[in-house]
Amino acid sequence: MPISIPSGVTINFDEKSHIITVKGPKGELSQWINPAINVEEKDNALHFTINEDAPVVDRQKQAYHGLYRALVNNMVVGVSEGYKKVMELVGVGYRVSNQGNIIEFSLGYTHPIFIQVPDIVKVETKSERNQNPILTLESCDKQLLGLICAKIRSFRMPEPYKGKGILFKGEVIRRKSGKTAAAK
């Protein structure tokens, strides 16, 4: 499947170093592409084909074909539209605040947790009375955004008994019943 290039997005592929660079209104991203894959731009679309001369096993070439097509597609979508993740802190006394790109969490430990995110990620926190605190992360890099969300989620994984933890907005935790009364 070819990747259509939206207006405002420019793509540059260097044949020697096998690096593709995608620039758009939201930012600039680059990715190395295995020499087993050829990249061509025609009719305002990117076409990925398998290089039959490359010294790689055929199954691996097919895997690379799908991998690099998906990675470049994520880059094109990221620099044109961007990615957004919304996380919710569920638990009594859980709080989140930010000063620029430094996020401070209060998650029931004896100490606050600080995490600094790269400048390419925009952070927004929202705390309202009688509502769970909300953390919104936006970026053009899907991989980096997922990595940061996984790190933040690891501070307090959602647990199935009380439903507390750091969840993605709209995520449903399957609840378990606690201990049952002793048999009579």
N, C-alpha and C. Protein backbone atom coordinates (compact mmCIF):
# COMPACT_ATOMS: atom_id res chain seq x y z
N MET A 1 0.84 -1.18 0.00
CA MET A 1 0.00 0.00 0.00
C MET A 1 0.88 1.24 0.00
N PRO A 2 0.69 2.13 -0.93
CA PRO A 2 1.47 3.36 -0.92
C PRO A 2 1.00 4.30 0.18
N ILE A 3 1.90 5.16 0.63
CA ILE A 3 1.57 6.15 1.65
C ILE A 3 1.33 7.47 0.93
N SER A 4 0.11 8.01 1.03
CA SER A 4 -0.16 9.29 0.39
C SER A 4 0.46 10.40 1.23
N ILE A 5 1.03 11.38 0.55
CA ILE A 5 1.72 12.48 1.22
C ILE A 5 0.78 13.67 1.31
N PRO A 6 0.39 14.11 2.52
CA PRO A 6 -0.50 15.26 2.64
C PRO A 6 0.21 16.55 2.26
N SER A 7 -0.57 17.59 2.00
CA SER A 7 0.03 18.87 1.65
C SER A 7 0.74 19.45 2.88
N GLY A 8 1.85 20.09 2.66
CA GLY A 8 2.63 20.66 3.75
C GLY A 8 3.68 19.72 4.30
N VAL A 9 3.72 18.48 3.81
CA VAL A 9 4.70 17.49 4.28
C VAL A 9 5.71 17.23 3.17
N THR A 10 7.00 17.34 3.51
CA THR A 10 8.06 17.05 2.54
C THR A 10 8.84 15.84 3.02
N ILE A 11 9.21 14.98 2.07
CA ILE A 11 9.93 13.75 2.39
C ILE A 11 11.22 13.72 1.59
N ASN A 12 12.33 13.42 2.28
CA ASN A 12 13.64 13.35 1.65
C ASN A 12 14.25 12.00 1.99
N PHE A 13 14.61 11.21 0.96
CA PHE A 13 15.23 9.91 1.19
C PHE A 13 16.65 9.93 0.63
N ASP A 14 17.64 9.69 1.48
CA ASP A 14 19.04 9.66 1.08
C ASP A 14 19.41 8.22 0.73
N GLU A 15 19.74 7.97 -0.54
CA GLU A 15 20.04 6.62 -1.03
C GLU A 15 21.29 6.02 -0.39
N LYS A 16 22.30 6.87 -0.11
CA LYS A 16 23.57 6.35 0.42
C LYS A 16 23.46 5.92 1.88
N SER A 17 22.89 6.79 2.70
CA SER A 17 22.81 6.47 4.13
C SER A 17 21.52 5.74 4.50
N HIS A 18 20.57 5.62 3.56
CA HIS A 18 19.29 4.96 3.78
C HIS A 18 18.50 5.60 4.92
N ILE A 19 18.53 6.93 5.00
CA ILE A 19 17.78 7.65 6.02
C ILE A 19 16.68 8.44 5.34
N ILE A 20 15.46 8.26 5.85
CA ILE A 20 14.32 9.02 5.33
C ILE A 20 13.98 10.10 6.35
N THR A 21 13.78 11.32 5.87
CA THR A 21 13.45 12.46 6.73
C THR A 21 12.10 13.00 6.31
N VAL A 22 11.20 13.17 7.29
CA VAL A 22 9.86 13.67 7.03
C VAL A 22 9.69 14.98 7.79
N LYS A 23 9.34 16.06 7.07
CA LYS A 23 9.12 17.37 7.69
C LYS A 23 7.68 17.78 7.46
N GLY A 24 7.10 18.38 8.49
CA GLY A 24 5.72 18.85 8.38
C GLY A 24 5.46 19.97 9.36
N PRO A 25 4.21 20.41 9.45
CA PRO A 25 3.89 21.52 10.34
C PRO A 25 4.09 21.21 11.83
N LYS A 26 4.00 19.94 12.23
CA LYS A 26 4.15 19.58 13.65
C LYS A 26 5.58 19.26 14.05
N GLY A 27 6.49 19.07 13.09
CA GLY A 27 7.88 18.76 13.44
C GLY A 27 8.60 18.04 12.33
N GLU A 28 9.75 17.48 12.71
CA GLU A 28 10.60 16.76 11.76
C GLU A 28 11.07 15.46 12.40
N LEU A 29 10.98 14.35 11.64
CA LEU A 29 11.39 13.04 12.12
C LEU A 29 12.24 12.37 11.06
N SER A 30 13.17 11.50 11.50
CA SER A 30 13.97 10.74 10.54
C SER A 30 14.09 9.30 11.02
N GLN A 31 14.31 8.39 10.05
CA GLN A 31 14.36 6.96 10.34
C GLN A 31 15.30 6.27 9.35
N TRP A 32 16.13 5.36 9.86
CA TRP A 32 16.98 4.57 8.99
C TRP A 32 16.14 3.44 8.41
N ILE A 33 16.35 3.13 7.14
CA ILE A 33 15.61 2.07 6.47
C ILE A 33 16.60 1.03 5.96
N ASN A 34 16.31 -0.23 6.20
CA ASN A 34 17.18 -1.33 5.79
C ASN A 34 17.37 -1.33 4.28
N PRO A 35 18.59 -1.61 3.79
CA PRO A 35 18.83 -1.63 2.33
C PRO A 35 18.03 -2.69 1.58
N ALA A 36 17.38 -3.61 2.28
CA ALA A 36 16.56 -4.62 1.62
C ALA A 36 15.25 -4.02 1.10
N ILE A 37 14.97 -2.75 1.45
CA ILE A 37 13.73 -2.08 1.05
C ILE A 37 14.07 -0.87 0.18
N ASN A 38 13.40 -0.76 -0.97
CA ASN A 38 13.54 0.41 -1.84
C ASN A 38 12.39 1.37 -1.57
N VAL A 39 12.68 2.67 -1.57
CA VAL A 39 11.65 3.69 -1.36
C VAL A 39 11.63 4.59 -2.58
N GLU A 40 10.44 4.76 -3.16
CA GLU A 40 10.27 5.63 -4.32
C GLU A 40 9.11 6.57 -4.07
N GLU A 41 9.25 7.80 -4.56
CA GLU A 41 8.17 8.76 -4.46
C GLU A 41 7.66 9.05 -5.87
N LYS A 42 6.38 8.71 -6.11
CA LYS A 42 5.77 9.04 -7.38
C LYS A 42 4.27 9.28 -7.18
N ASP A 43 3.74 10.20 -7.96
CA ASP A 43 2.32 10.57 -7.90
C ASP A 43 1.90 11.00 -6.49
N ASN A 44 2.73 11.80 -5.84
CA ASN A 44 2.45 12.32 -4.49
C ASN A 44 2.18 11.20 -3.48
N ALA A 45 2.91 10.08 -3.64
CA ALA A 45 2.79 8.95 -2.72
C ALA A 45 4.14 8.25 -2.61
N LEU A 46 4.36 7.61 -1.47
CA LEU A 46 5.58 6.83 -1.24
C LEU A 46 5.28 5.36 -1.51
N HIS A 47 6.13 4.72 -2.29
CA HIS A 47 5.97 3.31 -2.60
C HIS A 47 7.17 2.54 -2.02
N PHE A 48 6.89 1.46 -1.30
CA PHE A 48 7.93 0.62 -0.73
C PHE A 48 7.96 -0.69 -1.50
N THR A 49 9.15 -1.08 -1.98
CA THR A 49 9.31 -2.35 -2.69
C THR A 49 10.48 -3.11 -2.09
N ILE A 50 10.48 -4.42 -2.30
CA ILE A 50 11.55 -5.27 -1.78
C ILE A 50 12.70 -5.29 -2.77
N ASN A 51 13.91 -5.09 -2.28
CA ASN A 51 15.12 -5.15 -3.10
C ASN A 51 15.54 -6.61 -3.19
N GLU A 52 15.39 -7.20 -4.36
CA GLU A 52 15.69 -8.64 -4.54
C GLU A 52 17.18 -8.94 -4.45
N ASP A 53 18.05 -7.94 -4.66
CA ASP A 53 19.49 -8.17 -4.65
C ASP A 53 20.09 -8.16 -3.25
N ALA A 54 19.34 -7.74 -2.24
CA ALA A 54 19.87 -7.63 -0.89
C ALA A 54 20.14 -9.01 -0.30
N PRO A 55 21.24 -9.16 0.44
CA PRO A 55 21.59 -10.47 1.01
C PRO A 55 20.84 -10.76 2.31
N VAL A 56 19.52 -10.80 2.23
CA VAL A 56 18.68 -11.06 3.40
C VAL A 56 17.69 -12.16 3.01
N VAL A 57 17.30 -12.98 3.97
CA VAL A 57 16.33 -14.06 3.73
C VAL A 57 15.00 -13.46 3.29
N ASP A 58 14.29 -14.14 2.39
CA ASP A 58 13.05 -13.61 1.82
C ASP A 58 12.01 -13.27 2.88
N ARG A 59 11.84 -14.14 3.87
CA ARG A 59 10.84 -13.86 4.92
C ARG A 59 11.21 -12.60 5.69
N GLN A 60 12.50 -12.39 5.90
CA GLN A 60 12.95 -11.20 6.62
C GLN A 60 12.70 -9.95 5.78
N LYS A 61 12.88 -10.06 4.45
CA LYS A 61 12.60 -8.92 3.57
C LYS A 61 11.13 -8.53 3.65
N GLN A 62 10.25 -9.52 3.69
CA GLN A 62 8.82 -9.24 3.79
C GLN A 62 8.49 -8.58 5.12
N ALA A 63 9.14 -9.03 6.18
CA ALA A 63 8.92 -8.43 7.49
C ALA A 63 9.41 -6.98 7.50
N TYR A 64 10.59 -6.73 6.93
CA TYR A 64 11.11 -5.37 6.84
C TYR A 64 10.18 -4.48 6.02
N HIS A 65 9.61 -5.04 4.96
CA HIS A 65 8.72 -4.27 4.09
C HIS A 65 7.55 -3.70 4.90
N GLY A 66 6.88 -4.55 5.66
CA GLY A 66 5.76 -4.10 6.48
C GLY A 66 6.18 -3.17 7.61
N LEU A 67 7.32 -3.49 8.24
CA LEU A 67 7.80 -2.69 9.37
C LEU A 67 8.10 -1.26 8.95
N TYR A 68 8.93 -1.10 7.92
CA TYR A 68 9.35 0.24 7.54
C TYR A 68 8.22 1.03 6.90
N ARG A 69 7.29 0.36 6.23
CA ARG A 69 6.13 1.06 5.71
C ARG A 69 5.29 1.63 6.87
N ALA A 70 5.08 0.82 7.91
CA ALA A 70 4.30 1.27 9.07
C ALA A 70 5.02 2.40 9.81
N LEU A 71 6.34 2.29 9.98
CA LEU A 71 7.09 3.32 10.68
C LEU A 71 7.03 4.66 9.94
N VAL A 72 7.20 4.63 8.62
CA VAL A 72 7.15 5.87 7.84
C VAL A 72 5.73 6.43 7.82
N ASN A 73 4.73 5.56 7.76
CA ASN A 73 3.34 6.03 7.81
C ASN A 73 3.07 6.74 9.13
N ASN A 74 3.55 6.18 10.25
CA ASN A 74 3.40 6.82 11.55
C ASN A 74 4.10 8.18 11.58
N MET A 75 5.25 8.27 10.91
CA MET A 75 5.97 9.54 10.86
C MET A 75 5.17 10.58 10.07
N VAL A 76 4.61 10.18 8.93
CA VAL A 76 3.83 11.11 8.10
C VAL A 76 2.59 11.60 8.85
N VAL A 77 1.89 10.69 9.50
CA VAL A 77 0.71 11.09 10.28
C VAL A 77 1.12 11.98 11.45
N GLY A 78 2.25 11.68 12.09
CA GLY A 78 2.72 12.45 13.23
C GLY A 78 3.06 13.88 12.88
N VAL A 79 3.79 14.10 11.78
CA VAL A 79 4.19 15.47 11.44
C VAL A 79 3.05 16.26 10.82
N SER A 80 1.99 15.58 10.34
CA SER A 80 0.87 16.32 9.76
C SER A 80 -0.26 16.54 10.78
N GLU A 81 -0.63 15.50 11.53
CA GLU A 81 -1.73 15.61 12.49
C GLU A 81 -1.27 15.57 13.94
N GLY A 82 -0.26 14.76 14.25
CA GLY A 82 0.23 14.61 15.61
C GLY A 82 -0.51 13.50 16.34
N TYR A 83 0.04 13.10 17.46
CA TYR A 83 -0.56 12.06 18.30
C TYR A 83 -0.84 12.63 19.68
N LYS A 84 -1.89 12.12 20.31
CA LYS A 84 -2.31 12.63 21.62
C LYS A 84 -2.71 11.45 22.50
N LYS A 85 -2.20 11.43 23.73
CA LYS A 85 -2.58 10.41 24.72
C LYS A 85 -3.10 11.14 25.95
N VAL A 86 -4.23 10.67 26.47
CA VAL A 86 -4.84 11.24 27.67
C VAL A 86 -4.83 10.17 28.74
N MET A 87 -4.23 10.50 29.89
CA MET A 87 -4.13 9.55 31.00
C MET A 87 -4.89 10.11 32.20
N GLU A 88 -5.46 9.20 32.99
CA GLU A 88 -6.28 9.58 34.14
C GLU A 88 -5.70 8.90 35.38
N LEU A 89 -5.55 9.66 36.47
CA LEU A 89 -5.04 9.11 37.72
C LEU A 89 -6.22 8.79 38.63
N VAL A 90 -6.46 7.50 38.87
CA VAL A 90 -7.59 7.06 39.68
C VAL A 90 -7.06 6.59 41.03
N GLY A 91 -7.45 7.28 42.09
CA GLY A 91 -7.01 6.90 43.44
C GLY A 91 -7.12 8.09 44.37
N VAL A 92 -7.38 7.83 45.63
CA VAL A 92 -7.53 8.90 46.61
C VAL A 92 -6.18 9.56 46.85
N GLY A 93 -6.11 10.86 46.68
CA GLY A 93 -4.89 11.61 46.93
C GLY A 93 -3.90 11.61 45.77
N TYR A 94 -4.23 10.98 44.66
CA TYR A 94 -3.33 11.00 43.50
C TYR A 94 -3.41 12.37 42.83
N ARG A 95 -2.25 12.97 42.59
CA ARG A 95 -2.20 14.29 41.97
C ARG A 95 -1.10 14.33 40.92
N VAL A 96 -1.24 15.25 39.96
CA VAL A 96 -0.22 15.46 38.95
C VAL A 96 -0.19 16.96 38.63
N SER A 97 1.03 17.47 38.45
CA SER A 97 1.20 18.86 38.03
C SER A 97 2.45 18.94 37.18
N ASN A 98 2.57 20.02 36.42
CA ASN A 98 3.75 20.16 35.58
C ASN A 98 4.27 21.58 35.61
N GLN A 99 5.59 21.70 35.48
CA GLN A 99 6.28 22.97 35.31
C GLN A 99 7.04 22.84 34.01
N GLY A 100 6.47 23.31 32.90
CA GLY A 100 7.10 23.12 31.61
C GLY A 100 7.06 21.65 31.24
N ASN A 101 8.22 21.03 31.04
CA ASN A 101 8.27 19.62 30.67
C ASN A 101 8.68 18.72 31.83
N ILE A 102 8.61 19.22 33.05
CA ILE A 102 8.86 18.40 34.23
C ILE A 102 7.51 18.10 34.88
N ILE A 103 7.20 16.81 35.00
CA ILE A 103 5.92 16.39 35.57
C ILE A 103 6.16 15.87 36.98
N GLU A 104 5.31 16.30 37.91
CA GLU A 104 5.40 15.85 39.31
C GLU A 104 4.17 15.02 39.64
N PHE A 105 4.40 13.81 40.13
CA PHE A 105 3.32 12.92 40.51
C PHE A 105 3.31 12.73 42.02
N SER A 106 2.12 12.71 42.61
CA SER A 106 1.93 12.32 44.00
C SER A 106 1.00 11.11 43.96
N LEU A 107 1.58 9.92 44.16
CA LEU A 107 0.84 8.67 43.93
C LEU A 107 0.73 7.79 45.17
N GLY A 108 0.78 8.38 46.34
CA GLY A 108 0.63 7.60 47.55
C GLY A 108 1.92 7.04 48.09
N TYR A 109 3.04 7.33 47.48
CA TYR A 109 4.34 6.94 48.02
C TYR A 109 4.77 7.98 49.05
N THR A 110 5.88 7.73 49.73
CA THR A 110 6.37 8.67 50.73
C THR A 110 7.03 9.89 50.11
N HIS A 111 7.24 9.87 48.80
CA HIS A 111 7.95 10.93 48.11
C HIS A 111 7.25 11.23 46.79
N PRO A 112 7.37 12.45 46.30
CA PRO A 112 6.83 12.74 44.96
C PRO A 112 7.74 12.15 43.88
N ILE A 113 7.18 11.87 42.73
CA ILE A 113 7.94 11.33 41.60
C ILE A 113 8.01 12.41 40.53
N PHE A 114 9.22 12.69 40.06
CA PHE A 114 9.43 13.68 39.01
C PHE A 114 9.91 12.96 37.75
N ILE A 115 9.41 13.40 36.59
CA ILE A 115 9.88 12.87 35.32
C ILE A 115 9.99 14.04 34.35
N GLN A 116 11.10 14.09 33.64
CA GLN A 116 11.30 15.14 32.64
C GLN A 116 11.12 14.52 31.26
N VAL A 117 10.24 15.12 30.48
CA VAL A 117 9.99 14.61 29.13
C VAL A 117 10.72 15.50 28.12
N PRO A 118 11.07 14.97 26.94
CA PRO A 118 11.75 15.78 25.93
C PRO A 118 10.88 16.94 25.44
N ASP A 119 11.55 17.93 24.83
CA ASP A 119 10.84 19.13 24.36
C ASP A 119 9.85 18.83 23.24
N ILE A 120 10.03 17.73 22.53
CA ILE A 120 9.15 17.39 21.42
C ILE A 120 7.75 16.97 21.92
N VAL A 121 7.64 16.67 23.23
CA VAL A 121 6.37 16.26 23.82
C VAL A 121 5.78 17.44 24.60
N LYS A 122 4.54 17.77 24.29
CA LYS A 122 3.84 18.85 25.01
C LYS A 122 3.00 18.23 26.13
N VAL A 123 3.09 18.83 27.32
CA VAL A 123 2.44 18.28 28.50
C VAL A 123 1.38 19.26 28.98
N GLU A 124 0.22 18.72 29.38
CA GLU A 124 -0.84 19.54 29.96
C GLU A 124 -1.50 18.74 31.07
N THR A 125 -1.68 19.37 32.22
CA THR A 125 -2.34 18.70 33.35
C THR A 125 -3.61 19.46 33.71
N LYS A 126 -4.59 18.72 34.20
CA LYS A 126 -5.85 19.35 34.59
C LYS A 126 -6.36 18.67 35.86
N SER A 127 -6.61 19.46 36.88
CA SER A 127 -7.16 18.93 38.13
C SER A 127 -8.38 19.74 38.50
N GLU A 128 -9.52 19.09 38.62
CA GLU A 128 -10.75 19.74 39.03
C GLU A 128 -11.27 19.06 40.28
N ARG A 129 -12.01 19.81 41.06
CA ARG A 129 -12.56 19.29 42.30
C ARG A 129 -13.54 18.15 42.01
N ASN A 130 -13.46 17.08 42.79
CA ASN A 130 -14.30 15.89 42.68
C ASN A 130 -14.16 15.17 41.33
N GLN A 131 -13.03 15.35 40.66
CA GLN A 131 -12.75 14.64 39.41
C GLN A 131 -11.34 14.10 39.48
N ASN A 132 -11.08 13.04 38.74
CA ASN A 132 -9.73 12.48 38.70
C ASN A 132 -8.81 13.41 37.92
N PRO A 133 -7.55 13.55 38.37
CA PRO A 133 -6.59 14.38 37.62
C PRO A 133 -6.33 13.79 36.22
N ILE A 134 -6.17 14.68 35.25
CA ILE A 134 -5.98 14.29 33.85
C ILE A 134 -4.61 14.77 33.39
N LEU A 135 -3.87 13.91 32.68
CA LEU A 135 -2.58 14.25 32.10
C LEU A 135 -2.69 14.04 30.60
N THR A 136 -2.40 15.09 29.81
CA THR A 136 -2.49 15.01 28.35
C THR A 136 -1.10 15.19 27.77
N LEU A 137 -0.68 14.26 26.93
CA LEU A 137 0.62 14.31 26.26
C LEU A 137 0.40 14.35 24.76
N GLU A 138 1.08 15.28 24.07
CA GLU A 138 0.97 15.41 22.61
C GLU A 138 2.36 15.43 22.01
N SER A 139 2.53 14.76 20.85
CA SER A 139 3.81 14.73 20.17
C SER A 139 3.60 14.31 18.72
N CYS A 140 4.65 14.54 17.90
CA CYS A 140 4.61 14.05 16.52
C CYS A 140 5.27 12.68 16.42
N ASP A 141 5.97 12.25 17.46
CA ASP A 141 6.69 10.97 17.46
C ASP A 141 5.88 9.93 18.23
N LYS A 142 5.26 8.99 17.52
CA LYS A 142 4.40 7.99 18.14
C LYS A 142 5.18 7.05 19.05
N GLN A 143 6.39 6.65 18.64
CA GLN A 143 7.20 5.74 19.44
C GLN A 143 7.58 6.37 20.78
N LEU A 144 8.05 7.60 20.74
CA LEU A 144 8.47 8.30 21.95
C LEU A 144 7.29 8.51 22.89
N LEU A 145 6.14 8.88 22.33
CA LEU A 145 4.95 9.11 23.13
C LEU A 145 4.52 7.84 23.84
N GLY A 146 4.54 6.71 23.14
CA GLY A 146 4.18 5.43 23.75
C GLY A 146 5.16 5.02 24.83
N LEU A 147 6.44 5.29 24.62
CA LEU A 147 7.46 4.97 25.61
C LEU A 147 7.27 5.78 26.90
N ILE A 148 6.98 7.07 26.76
CA ILE A 148 6.77 7.92 27.92
C ILE A 148 5.51 7.51 28.67
N CYS A 149 4.44 7.20 27.93
CA CYS A 149 3.19 6.76 28.57
C CYS A 149 3.40 5.45 29.33
N ALA A 150 4.17 4.53 28.77
CA ALA A 150 4.44 3.26 29.46
C ALA A 150 5.24 3.49 30.73
N LYS A 151 6.21 4.42 30.69
CA LYS A 151 7.01 4.74 31.88
C LYS A 151 6.13 5.35 32.97
N ILE A 152 5.28 6.29 32.59
CA ILE A 152 4.38 6.94 33.56
C ILE A 152 3.43 5.92 34.16
N ARG A 153 2.89 5.04 33.32
CA ARG A 153 1.95 4.02 33.78
C ARG A 153 2.61 3.05 34.74
N SER A 154 3.93 2.83 34.59
CA SER A 154 4.63 1.88 35.46
C SER A 154 4.77 2.39 36.89
N PHE A 155 4.56 3.69 37.12
CA PHE A 155 4.64 4.22 38.49
C PHE A 155 3.52 3.65 39.35
N ARG A 156 2.32 3.50 38.80
CA ARG A 156 1.19 2.89 39.48
C ARG A 156 0.34 2.16 38.45
N MET A 157 0.64 0.87 38.23
CA MET A 157 -0.12 0.08 37.28
C MET A 157 -1.56 -0.07 37.79
N PRO A 158 -2.55 -0.08 36.91
CA PRO A 158 -3.93 -0.29 37.36
C PRO A 158 -4.08 -1.67 38.00
N GLU A 159 -4.76 -1.71 39.14
CA GLU A 159 -4.92 -2.99 39.81
C GLU A 159 -6.40 -3.40 39.80
N PRO A 160 -6.68 -4.70 39.72
CA PRO A 160 -8.04 -5.16 39.46
C PRO A 160 -8.97 -5.21 40.68
N TYR A 161 -8.47 -5.00 41.89
CA TYR A 161 -9.32 -5.14 43.07
C TYR A 161 -10.02 -3.83 43.42
N LYS A 162 -9.32 -2.73 43.43
CA LYS A 162 -9.94 -1.44 43.74
C LYS A 162 -10.06 -0.55 42.51
N GLY A 163 -9.36 -0.90 41.42
CA GLY A 163 -9.43 -0.11 40.19
C GLY A 163 -8.56 1.12 40.24
N LYS A 164 -7.62 1.19 41.18
CA LYS A 164 -6.74 2.35 41.31
C LYS A 164 -5.55 2.22 40.37
N GLY A 165 -4.96 3.36 40.02
CA GLY A 165 -3.77 3.36 39.19
C GLY A 165 -3.82 4.45 38.13
N ILE A 166 -2.87 4.41 37.22
CA ILE A 166 -2.82 5.36 36.11
C ILE A 166 -3.37 4.65 34.88
N LEU A 167 -4.49 5.15 34.36
CA LEU A 167 -5.17 4.52 33.24
C LEU A 167 -5.20 5.47 32.05
N PHE A 168 -5.36 4.91 30.86
CA PHE A 168 -5.65 5.73 29.69
C PHE A 168 -7.12 6.12 29.76
N LYS A 169 -7.46 7.30 29.27
CA LYS A 169 -8.84 7.78 29.32
C LYS A 169 -9.73 6.81 28.55
N GLY A 170 -10.80 6.37 29.20
CA GLY A 170 -11.74 5.45 28.57
C GLY A 170 -11.39 3.98 28.77
N GLU A 171 -10.23 3.68 29.36
CA GLU A 171 -9.84 2.29 29.59
C GLU A 171 -10.69 1.70 30.70
N VAL A 172 -11.11 0.46 30.53
CA VAL A 172 -11.93 -0.23 31.51
C VAL A 172 -11.09 -1.34 32.13
N ILE A 173 -11.02 -1.34 33.45
CA ILE A 173 -10.28 -2.36 34.18
C ILE A 173 -11.25 -3.47 34.59
N ARG A 174 -10.93 -4.71 34.23
CA ARG A 174 -11.77 -5.82 34.67
C ARG A 174 -11.56 -6.02 36.16
N ARG A 175 -12.64 -5.89 36.91
CA ARG A 175 -12.55 -5.96 38.36
C ARG A 175 -12.67 -7.40 38.83
N LYS A 176 -11.94 -7.71 39.91
CA LYS A 176 -12.00 -9.02 40.54
C LYS A 176 -12.69 -8.86 41.88
N SER A 177 -13.34 -9.92 42.35
CA SER A 177 -13.92 -9.86 43.68
C SER A 177 -12.83 -10.16 44.69
N GLY A 178 -12.96 -9.59 45.85
CA GLY A 178 -11.94 -9.80 46.88
C GLY A 178 -12.14 -11.15 47.55
N LYS A 179 -11.61 -11.26 48.77
CA LYS A 179 -11.74 -12.50 49.51
C LYS A 179 -13.22 -12.74 49.86
N THR A 180 -13.65 -13.98 49.79
CA THR A 180 -15.03 -14.30 50.17
C THR A 180 -15.03 -14.77 51.61
N ALA A 181 -16.18 -14.76 52.21
CA ALA A 181 -16.31 -15.18 53.61
C ALA A 181 -15.94 -16.66 53.75
N ALA A 182 -15.46 -17.03 54.91
CA ALA A 182 -15.06 -18.42 55.16
C ALA A 182 -16.28 -19.34 55.07
N ALA A 183 -16.05 -20.54 54.58
CA ALA A 183 -17.14 -21.50 54.43
C ALA A 183 -17.68 -21.89 55.78
N LYS A 184 -19.00 -22.03 55.90
CA LYS A 184 -19.63 -22.36 57.19
C LYS A 184 -19.76 -23.84 57.38
